[in-house]
Amino acid sequence: MAEKRKYKKRYCKYCEAKVDFMDYKDAGALRFSLSERYKIMPRRLTGNCKRHQDMISVVIKRARAAALVPYTVTRKHVVTAPFENLK
């Protein structure tokens, strides 16, 4: 019988910092919750709690609507450093 893999418990960094409000205009802070193709990363990878993951998804969607963050990057358009222009 195969042994279960033991993963390190991920903690919500927003709960530790006691964040109550996130601003969509701070695009640099959103890069930790976006993949290299600008997709929203799931909770199981980021370690966010449900409350903060919901806040992050709303903030990212608002930043996309305001054209601060692109929606997605196509496979044909290769980006060498995707988060350099998010400052």
C-alpha atoms as a PDB file:
ATOM      1  CA  MET A   1       0.000   0.000   0.000  1.00  0.00           C
ATOM      2  CA  ALA A   2       1.353   3.389  -0.966  1.00  0.00           C
ATOM      3  CA  GLU A   3       2.136   5.919   1.713  1.00  0.00           C
ATOM      4  CA  LYS A   4       0.384   9.266   1.706  1.00  0.00           C
ATOM      5  CA  ARG A   5       2.518  12.231   0.824  1.00  0.00           C
ATOM      6  CA  LYS A   6       2.916  14.746   3.579  1.00  0.00           C
ATOM      7  CA  TYR A   7       2.662  18.325   2.413  1.00  0.00           C
ATOM      8  CA  LYS A   8       3.506  21.428   4.363  1.00  0.00           C
ATOM      9  CA  LYS A   9       0.418  23.168   5.693  1.00  0.00           C
ATOM     10  CA  ARG A  10      -0.149  26.405   3.820  1.00  0.00           C
ATOM     11  CA  TYR A  11      -1.350  29.403   5.780  1.00  0.00           C
ATOM     12  CA  CYS A  12      -3.253  32.438   4.575  1.00  0.00           C
ATOM     13  CA  LYS A  13      -0.754  35.291   4.454  1.00  0.00           C
ATOM     14  CA  TYR A  14      -3.602  37.810   4.436  1.00  0.00           C
ATOM     15  CA  CYS A  15      -4.992  36.467   7.734  1.00  0.00           C
ATOM     16  CA  GLU A  16      -1.536  36.694   9.285  1.00  0.00           C
ATOM     17  CA  ALA A  17      -1.219  40.314   8.113  1.00  0.00           C
ATOM     18  CA  LYS A  18      -4.826  41.013   9.246  1.00  0.00           C
ATOM     19  CA  VAL A  19      -5.878  42.432   5.877  1.00  0.00           C
ATOM     20  CA  ASP A  20      -9.485  43.655   5.756  1.00  0.00           C
ATOM     21  CA  PHE A  21      -9.402  45.543   2.452  1.00  0.00           C
ATOM     22  CA  MET A  22      -7.604  44.963  -0.835  1.00  0.00           C
ATOM     23  CA  ASP A  23      -7.225  47.623  -3.485  1.00  0.00           C
ATOM     24  CA  TYR A  24      -7.523  46.694  -7.160  1.00  0.00           C
ATOM     25  CA  LYS A  25      -5.156  49.523  -8.133  1.00  0.00           C
ATOM     26  CA  ASP A  26      -2.212  47.820  -6.418  1.00  0.00           C
ATOM     27  CA  ALA A  27      -1.452  45.442  -9.282  1.00  0.00           C
ATOM     28  CA  GLY A  28       1.960  44.516  -7.895  1.00  0.00           C
ATOM     29  CA  ALA A  29       0.399  42.849  -4.857  1.00  0.00           C
ATOM     30  CA  LEU A  30      -1.871  40.748  -7.078  1.00  0.00           C
ATOM     31  CA  ARG A  31       0.982  38.931  -8.805  1.00  0.00           C
ATOM     32  CA  PHE A  32       1.229  36.382  -5.969  1.00  0.00           C
ATOM     33  CA  SER A  33      -2.294  35.206  -6.780  1.00  0.00           C
ATOM     34  CA  LEU A  34      -1.837  35.101 -10.563  1.00  0.00           C
ATOM     35  CA  SER A  35      -0.121  32.455 -12.648  1.00  0.00           C
ATOM     36  CA  GLU A  36       2.385  33.302 -15.379  1.00  0.00           C
ATOM     37  CA  ARG A  37      -0.511  33.315 -17.865  1.00  0.00           C
ATOM     38  CA  TYR A  38      -2.452  35.735 -15.618  1.00  0.00           C
ATOM     39  CA  LYS A  39      -4.969  33.168 -14.408  1.00  0.00           C
ATOM     40  CA  ILE A  40      -6.269  33.267 -10.839  1.00  0.00           C
ATOM     41  CA  MET A  41      -4.483  30.621  -8.793  1.00  0.00           C
ATOM     42  CA  PRO A  42      -6.657  28.286  -6.689  1.00  0.00           C
ATOM     43  CA  ARG A  43      -6.755  28.179  -2.908  1.00  0.00           C
ATOM     44  CA  ARG A  44      -4.994  24.849  -2.701  1.00  0.00           C
ATOM     45  CA  LEU A  45      -1.891  26.380  -4.308  1.00  0.00           C
ATOM     46  CA  THR A  46      -1.864  29.786  -2.647  1.00  0.00           C
ATOM     47  CA  GLY A  47      -3.016  28.688   0.807  1.00  0.00           C
ATOM     48  CA  ASN A  48      -5.538  31.509   1.120  1.00  0.00           C
ATOM     49  CA  CYS A  49      -8.639  31.113   3.245  1.00  0.00           C
ATOM     50  CA  LYS A  50     -12.047  31.250   1.552  1.00  0.00           C
ATOM     51  CA  ARG A  51     -12.747  34.825   2.650  1.00  0.00           C
ATOM     52  CA  HIS A  52      -9.516  36.234   1.279  1.00  0.00           C
ATOM     53  CA  GLN A  53      -9.644  34.103  -1.885  1.00  0.00           C
ATOM     54  CA  ASP A  54     -13.071  35.576  -2.654  1.00  0.00           C
ATOM     55  CA  MET A  55     -11.704  39.076  -2.034  1.00  0.00           C
ATOM     56  CA  ILE A  56      -8.727  38.385  -4.308  1.00  0.00           C
ATOM     57  CA  SER A  57     -10.905  37.091  -7.134  1.00  0.00           C
ATOM     58  CA  VAL A  58     -13.108  40.211  -6.993  1.00  0.00           C
ATOM     59  CA  VAL A  59     -10.058  42.504  -6.896  1.00  0.00           C
ATOM     60  CA  ILE A  60      -8.414  40.744  -9.860  1.00  0.00           C
ATOM     61  CA  LYS A  61     -11.623  40.930 -11.879  1.00  0.00           C
ATOM     62  CA  ARG A  62     -11.895  44.660 -11.146  1.00  0.00           C
ATOM     63  CA  ALA A  63      -8.256  45.189 -12.131  1.00  0.00           C
ATOM     64  CA  ARG A  64      -8.894  43.328 -15.394  1.00  0.00           C
ATOM     65  CA  ALA A  65     -11.907  45.500 -16.143  1.00  0.00           C
ATOM     66  CA  ALA A  66      -9.798  48.619 -15.485  1.00  0.00           C
ATOM     67  CA  ALA A  67      -7.080  47.235 -17.831  1.00  0.00           C
ATOM     68  CA  LEU A  68      -4.443  47.078 -15.093  1.00  0.00           C
ATOM     69  CA  VAL A  69      -4.031  43.307 -15.480  1.00  0.00           C
ATOM     70  CA  PRO A  70      -4.528  41.437 -18.775  1.00  0.00           C
ATOM     71  CA  TYR A  71      -7.181  38.748 -18.994  1.00  0.00           C
ATOM     72  CA  THR A  72      -5.020  35.938 -20.380  1.00  0.00           C
ATOM     73  CA  VAL A  73      -1.892  35.458 -22.442  1.00  0.00           C
ATOM     74  CA  THR A  74      -2.187  33.290 -25.522  1.00  0.00           C
ATOM     75  CA  ARG A  75       0.191  30.449 -26.210  1.00  0.00           C
ATOM     76  CA  LYS A  76       1.428  32.109 -29.389  1.00  0.00           C
ATOM     77  CA  HIS A  77       2.352  35.326 -27.571  1.00  0.00           C
ATOM     78  CA  VAL A  78       5.207  34.298 -25.296  1.00  0.00           C
ATOM     79  CA  VAL A  79       5.974  36.632 -22.409  1.00  0.00           C
ATOM     80  CA  THR A  80       9.525  36.377 -21.073  1.00  0.00           C
ATOM     81  CA  ALA A  81       8.908  38.148 -17.746  1.00  0.00           C
ATOM     82  CA  PRO A  82       5.150  38.447 -17.197  1.00  0.00           C
ATOM     83  CA  PHE A  83       5.218  40.462 -13.962  1.00  0.00           C
ATOM     84  CA  GLU A  84       7.753  43.115 -14.917  1.00  0.00           C
ATOM     85  CA  ASN A  85       5.114  45.501 -16.228  1.00  0.00           C
ATOM     86  CA  LEU A  86       3.001  45.078 -13.045  1.00  0.00           C
ATOM     87  CA  LYS A  87       4.596  47.581 -10.698  1.00  0.00           C
END
